Amino acid sequence: MSGAFAERIWRHAQQRFVTAVALGQALGQIAPSLQFAVFGFEFFDAGG
């Protein structure tokens, strides 16, 4: 019983880790564009 429970927890943790890695990679590709957009917004916001 406890073995199956531990296996379920392990699978859940593994899925969350894979999801976090995939999300991190996606954000890594998008991040430069977002940084530029935020910088532009702050620049124009400060100018106004």
Protein backbone atom coordinates (compact mmCIF):
# COMPACT_ATOMS: atom_id res chain seq x y z
CA MET A 1 0.00 0.00 0.00
CA SER A 2 2.67 2.53 0.98
CA GLY A 3 4.78 1.50 -2.03
CA ALA A 4 1.99 2.41 -4.44
CA PHE A 5 1.44 5.68 -2.59
CA ALA A 6 5.13 6.56 -2.79
CA GLU A 7 5.18 5.68 -6.48
CA ARG A 8 2.19 7.96 -7.09
CA ILE A 9 3.92 10.83 -5.28
CA TRP A 10 7.12 10.19 -7.26
CA ARG A 11 5.24 10.26 -10.58
CA HIS A 12 3.48 13.46 -9.61
CA ALA A 13 6.77 15.12 -8.63
CA GLN A 14 8.37 13.91 -11.85
CA GLN A 15 5.54 15.35 -13.96
CA ARG A 16 5.79 18.68 -12.16
CA PHE A 17 9.55 18.75 -12.72
CA VAL A 18 9.17 18.02 -16.44
CA THR A 19 6.50 20.72 -16.70
CA ALA A 20 8.72 23.23 -14.88
CA VAL A 21 11.67 22.45 -17.17
CA ALA A 22 9.50 22.80 -20.29
CA LEU A 23 8.08 26.08 -19.00
CA GLY A 24 11.57 27.34 -18.18
CA GLN A 25 12.77 26.55 -21.70
CA ALA A 26 9.75 28.28 -23.23
CA LEU A 27 10.30 31.34 -21.05
CA GLY A 28 13.98 31.31 -21.94
CA GLN A 29 13.04 31.68 -25.59
CA ILE A 30 10.41 34.35 -24.91
CA ALA A 31 12.30 36.23 -22.16
CA PRO A 32 14.46 38.46 -24.40
CA SER A 33 11.34 39.79 -26.15
CA LEU A 34 9.56 40.31 -22.85
CA GLN A 35 12.55 42.10 -21.35
CA PHE A 36 12.69 44.42 -24.34
CA ALA A 37 8.94 45.09 -24.14
CA VAL A 38 9.12 45.84 -20.41
CA PHE A 39 12.15 48.10 -20.92
CA GLY A 40 10.32 49.97 -23.69
CA PHE A 41 7.22 50.34 -21.56
CA GLU A 42 9.21 51.67 -18.60
CA PHE A 43 11.13 54.05 -20.87
CA PHE A 44 7.98 55.54 -22.43
CA ASP A 45 6.18 55.54 -19.09
CA ALA A 46 9.02 57.52 -17.49
CA GLY A 47 9.07 59.93 -20.44
CA GLY A 48 5.37 60.67 -20.12
